[in-house]
Structures are given as C-alpha cells and as structure tokens.
Amino acid sequence: MALGNRVKTLRKRLKLTLEQLSERSGVDLGTIAALENRDSIRSKFAPQLASALGVSLENLLGVTEAPDTSSQSARCREWPFSHIEVARILALSPEDRAEVEADLLYSLEKIERRSTKKSKTTKRAAA
C-alpha cells in the first residue's frame, strides 16, 4: 500500500476529516488531499503526518507492518471513554502510550480485585 492510501486509511480509521488532519499535522489541506488522491509513494510531509496519525514514520511509509487490527481484542467498536478522544491516545509517543496502558491495566486490576472481594462478601452473607 502506498503512502497516500495509508494516510487516507489511517485518517478514516481515526475518524478525522482532512481539515482536522491538516490542523494536527501543520500540513496544508490541499497537500494532504493531493497526497491521498494521487496515492503518492513519498512525501516530505510524511514525518508530520505520521506524528498526527499516531504511527511511526516507518509504519506510515510501509517499512514495518501495522499491527493487526482485525482481531476483536485489537479494536474497539465503541470508545467507552466519553471524556478522552481516541485520537489523543494515538497521538502519544510509543513510550507515553505504554505508560497510559500500564496505568489503565493497574486501575482495572485494582477494580477487579475490589469487585471480587465484594462478590465473595455478598456470597458469604447470603449463605
């Protein structure tokens, strides 16, 4: 898949308009539209676009494959966090994303442990 097609695919996956991608990347809207429509294979704006789309430059250029997003666990049909835009997460550096993921996993495990304790207490009280 060439660069223009990758940009368009990622932009649509993030539900970004051309205008929004232009604002995030600092690349002129017409330049992005031309890049997508001509399905260009390279662009001097690739680093800015990759950053705005939340992927590595290598991934955007097709040097490395994108992670498989076809599995149910890799994608979310409905973003459950109304106060956090998914684009904000995707715009983070890989290190910052890993930190957010670790924090979220810690919080989930804490809540699950608390929920398990409540469940056991309720069962004991019923017995």
C-alpha atoms as a PDB file:
ATOM      1  CA  MET A   1       0.000   0.000   0.000  1.00  0.00           C
ATOM      2  CA  ALA A   2       1.447   3.383  -0.987  1.00  0.00           C
ATOM      3  CA  LEU A   3       1.784   6.382   1.321  1.00  0.00           C
ATOM      4  CA  GLY A   4      -1.301   8.241   0.067  1.00  0.00           C
ATOM      5  CA  ASN A   5      -3.510   5.221   0.636  1.00  0.00           C
ATOM      6  CA  ARG A   6      -2.016   4.632   4.103  1.00  0.00           C
ATOM      7  CA  VAL A   7      -2.651   8.256   5.098  1.00  0.00           C
ATOM      8  CA  LYS A   8      -6.251   8.049   3.916  1.00  0.00           C
ATOM      9  CA  THR A   9      -6.855   4.693   5.622  1.00  0.00           C
ATOM     10  CA  LEU A  10      -5.414   5.843   8.949  1.00  0.00           C
ATOM     11  CA  ARG A  11      -7.229   9.195   8.779  1.00  0.00           C
ATOM     12  CA  LYS A  12     -10.562   7.465   8.204  1.00  0.00           C
ATOM     13  CA  ARG A  13      -9.859   4.881  10.922  1.00  0.00           C
ATOM     14  CA  LEU A  14      -9.339   7.781  13.352  1.00  0.00           C
ATOM     15  CA  LYS A  15     -12.469   9.473  12.005  1.00  0.00           C
ATOM     16  CA  LEU A  16     -10.506  12.596  11.142  1.00  0.00           C
ATOM     17  CA  THR A  17     -11.505  14.997   8.400  1.00  0.00           C
ATOM     18  CA  LEU A  18      -8.904  16.406   6.044  1.00  0.00           C
ATOM     19  CA  GLU A  19      -9.247  19.700   7.921  1.00  0.00           C
ATOM     20  CA  GLN A  20      -8.574  18.046  11.280  1.00  0.00           C
ATOM     21  CA  LEU A  21      -5.523  16.199   9.975  1.00  0.00           C
ATOM     22  CA  SER A  22      -4.272  19.431   8.450  1.00  0.00           C
ATOM     23  CA  GLU A  23      -4.620  21.237  11.783  1.00  0.00           C
ATOM     24  CA  ARG A  24      -2.929  18.435  13.726  1.00  0.00           C
ATOM     25  CA  SER A  25      -0.049  17.985  11.304  1.00  0.00           C
ATOM     26  CA  GLY A  26       0.531  21.539  10.116  1.00  0.00           C
ATOM     27  CA  VAL A  27       0.370  20.256   6.527  1.00  0.00           C
ATOM     28  CA  ASP A  28      -1.809  22.175   4.073  1.00  0.00           C
ATOM     29  CA  LEU A  29      -5.213  20.598   3.466  1.00  0.00           C
ATOM     30  CA  GLY A  30      -4.728  20.659  -0.314  1.00  0.00           C
ATOM     31  CA  THR A  31      -1.391  18.899   0.034  1.00  0.00           C
ATOM     32  CA  ILE A  32      -2.969  16.102   2.089  1.00  0.00           C
ATOM     33  CA  ALA A  33      -5.879  15.753  -0.348  1.00  0.00           C
ATOM     34  CA  ALA A  34      -3.487  15.575  -3.312  1.00  0.00           C
ATOM     35  CA  LEU A  35      -1.303  13.045  -1.491  1.00  0.00           C
ATOM     36  CA  GLU A  36      -4.311  10.820  -0.810  1.00  0.00           C
ATOM     37  CA  ASN A  37      -5.890  11.167  -4.248  1.00  0.00           C
ATOM     38  CA  ARG A  38      -2.702  10.521  -6.199  1.00  0.00           C
ATOM     39  CA  ASP A  39      -1.751   7.725  -3.831  1.00  0.00           C
ATOM     40  CA  SER A  40       1.757   9.130  -3.697  1.00  0.00           C
ATOM     41  CA  ILE A  41       4.548   6.848  -2.601  1.00  0.00           C
ATOM     42  CA  ARG A  42       6.589   9.521  -0.783  1.00  0.00           C
ATOM     43  CA  SER A  43       6.279  13.000   0.654  1.00  0.00           C
ATOM     44  CA  LYS A  44       8.456  15.406   2.591  1.00  0.00           C
ATOM     45  CA  PHE A  45       5.463  15.799   4.925  1.00  0.00           C
ATOM     46  CA  ALA A  46       5.427  12.132   5.963  1.00  0.00           C
ATOM     47  CA  PRO A  47       7.019  12.752   9.399  1.00  0.00           C
ATOM     48  CA  GLN A  48       4.388  15.354  10.350  1.00  0.00           C
ATOM     49  CA  LEU A  49       1.557  13.165   9.059  1.00  0.00           C
ATOM     50  CA  ALA A  50       2.857  10.090  10.892  1.00  0.00           C
ATOM     51  CA  SER A  51       3.008  12.038  14.151  1.00  0.00           C
ATOM     52  CA  ALA A  52      -0.502  13.450  13.672  1.00  0.00           C
ATOM     53  CA  LEU A  53      -1.856   9.972  12.859  1.00  0.00           C
ATOM     54  CA  GLY A  54      -0.169   8.367  15.861  1.00  0.00           C
ATOM     55  CA  VAL A  55       2.037   5.942  13.945  1.00  0.00           C
ATOM     56  CA  SER A  56       5.762   5.665  13.384  1.00  0.00           C
ATOM     57  CA  LEU A  57       7.248   7.078  10.205  1.00  0.00           C
ATOM     58  CA  GLU A  58       8.363   3.566   9.282  1.00  0.00           C
ATOM     59  CA  ASN A  59       4.826   2.279   9.637  1.00  0.00           C
ATOM     60  CA  LEU A  60       3.378   5.103   7.573  1.00  0.00           C
ATOM     61  CA  LEU A  61       5.936   4.524   4.824  1.00  0.00           C
ATOM     62  CA  GLY A  62       5.263   0.783   4.855  1.00  0.00           C
ATOM     63  CA  VAL A  63       8.723  -0.186   6.086  1.00  0.00           C
ATOM     64  CA  THR A  64       7.131  -2.047   9.009  1.00  0.00           C
ATOM     65  CA  GLU A  65       3.736  -3.620   9.014  1.00  0.00           C
ATOM     66  CA  ALA A  66       0.924  -2.115  11.020  1.00  0.00           C
ATOM     67  CA  PRO A  67      -0.304  -4.153  13.946  1.00  0.00           C
ATOM     68  CA  ASP A  68      -3.183  -6.462  13.122  1.00  0.00           C
ATOM     69  CA  THR A  69      -6.343  -4.547  13.959  1.00  0.00           C
ATOM     70  CA  SER A  70      -8.725  -7.174  12.658  1.00  0.00           C
ATOM     71  CA  SER A  71      -8.985  -9.119  15.915  1.00  0.00           C
ATOM     72  CA  GLN A  72     -11.744  -8.239  18.351  1.00  0.00           C
ATOM     73  CA  SER A  73      -9.238  -7.507  21.112  1.00  0.00           C
ATOM     74  CA  ALA A  74      -7.294  -5.064  18.953  1.00  0.00           C
ATOM     75  CA  ARG A  75     -10.191  -2.822  18.060  1.00  0.00           C
ATOM     76  CA  CYS A  76     -12.979  -1.160  19.880  1.00  0.00           C
ATOM     77  CA  ARG A  77     -16.361  -0.867  18.219  1.00  0.00           C
ATOM     78  CA  GLU A  78     -17.391   1.877  20.614  1.00  0.00           C
ATOM     79  CA  TRP A  79     -14.918   4.020  22.524  1.00  0.00           C
ATOM     80  CA  PRO A  80     -16.064   3.735  26.147  1.00  0.00           C
ATOM     81  CA  PHE A  81     -14.398   6.892  27.472  1.00  0.00           C
ATOM     82  CA  SER A  82     -16.562   9.927  26.737  1.00  0.00           C
ATOM     83  CA  HIS A  83     -14.040  12.443  28.085  1.00  0.00           C
ATOM     84  CA  ILE A  84     -10.997  11.055  26.258  1.00  0.00           C
ATOM     85  CA  GLU A  85     -10.725  11.216  22.470  1.00  0.00           C
ATOM     86  CA  VAL A  86      -9.069   8.154  20.946  1.00  0.00           C
ATOM     87  CA  ALA A  87      -7.027  10.483  18.749  1.00  0.00           C
ATOM     88  CA  ARG A  88      -5.379  11.899  21.884  1.00  0.00           C
ATOM     89  CA  ILE A  89      -4.155   8.436  22.821  1.00  0.00           C
ATOM     90  CA  LEU A  90      -2.976   7.653  19.307  1.00  0.00           C
ATOM     91  CA  ALA A  91      -1.078  10.938  19.124  1.00  0.00           C
ATOM     92  CA  LEU A  92       1.109   9.963  22.087  1.00  0.00           C
ATOM     93  CA  SER A  93       4.629   8.656  21.654  1.00  0.00           C
ATOM     94  CA  PRO A  94       5.001   4.874  21.991  1.00  0.00           C
ATOM     95  CA  GLU A  95       6.600   5.361  25.426  1.00  0.00           C
ATOM     96  CA  ASP A  96       3.731   7.550  26.647  1.00  0.00           C
ATOM     97  CA  ARG A  97       1.150   5.129  25.235  1.00  0.00           C
ATOM     98  CA  ALA A  98       2.836   2.310  27.128  1.00  0.00           C
ATOM     99  CA  GLU A  99       2.642   4.367  30.326  1.00  0.00           C
ATOM    100  CA  VAL A 100      -1.069   5.065  29.800  1.00  0.00           C
ATOM    101  CA  GLU A 101      -1.674   1.376  29.091  1.00  0.00           C
ATOM    102  CA  ALA A 102       0.185   0.329  32.241  1.00  0.00           C
ATOM    103  CA  ASP A 103      -1.782   2.817  34.342  1.00  0.00           C
ATOM    104  CA  LEU A 104      -5.074   1.633  32.863  1.00  0.00           C
ATOM    105  CA  LEU A 105      -4.212  -2.038  33.433  1.00  0.00           C
ATOM    106  CA  TYR A 106      -3.240  -1.298  37.041  1.00  0.00           C
ATOM    107  CA  SER A 107      -6.544   0.513  37.619  1.00  0.00           C
ATOM    108  CA  LEU A 108      -8.554  -2.286  36.012  1.00  0.00           C
ATOM    109  CA  GLU A 109      -6.846  -4.946  38.108  1.00  0.00           C
ATOM    110  CA  LYS A 110      -7.475  -2.898  41.261  1.00  0.00           C
ATOM    111  CA  ILE A 111     -11.174  -2.540  40.408  1.00  0.00           C
ATOM    112  CA  GLU A 112     -11.478  -6.240  39.545  1.00  0.00           C
ATOM    113  CA  ARG A 113      -9.882  -7.229  42.876  1.00  0.00           C
ATOM    114  CA  ARG A 114     -12.270  -4.942  44.733  1.00  0.00           C
ATOM    115  CA  SER A 115     -15.208  -6.356  42.771  1.00  0.00           C
ATOM    116  CA  THR A 116     -14.118  -9.923  43.561  1.00  0.00           C
ATOM    117  CA  LYS A 117     -13.905  -9.111  47.279  1.00  0.00           C
ATOM    118  CA  LYS A 118     -17.419  -7.619  47.223  1.00  0.00           C
ATOM    119  CA  SER A 119     -18.740 -10.662  45.392  1.00  0.00           C
ATOM    120  CA  LYS A 120     -17.234 -13.056  47.974  1.00  0.00           C
ATOM    121  CA  THR A 121     -18.617 -10.971  50.853  1.00  0.00           C
ATOM    122  CA  THR A 122     -22.099 -10.973  49.310  1.00  0.00           C
ATOM    123  CA  LYS A 123     -21.993 -14.761  48.831  1.00  0.00           C
ATOM    124  CA  ARG A 124     -20.918 -15.307  52.447  1.00  0.00           C
ATOM    125  CA  ALA A 125     -23.691 -13.058  53.747  1.00  0.00           C
ATOM    126  CA  ALA A 126     -26.274 -14.943  51.652  1.00  0.00           C
ATOM    127  CA  ALA A 127     -25.108 -18.328  52.958  1.00  0.00           C
END
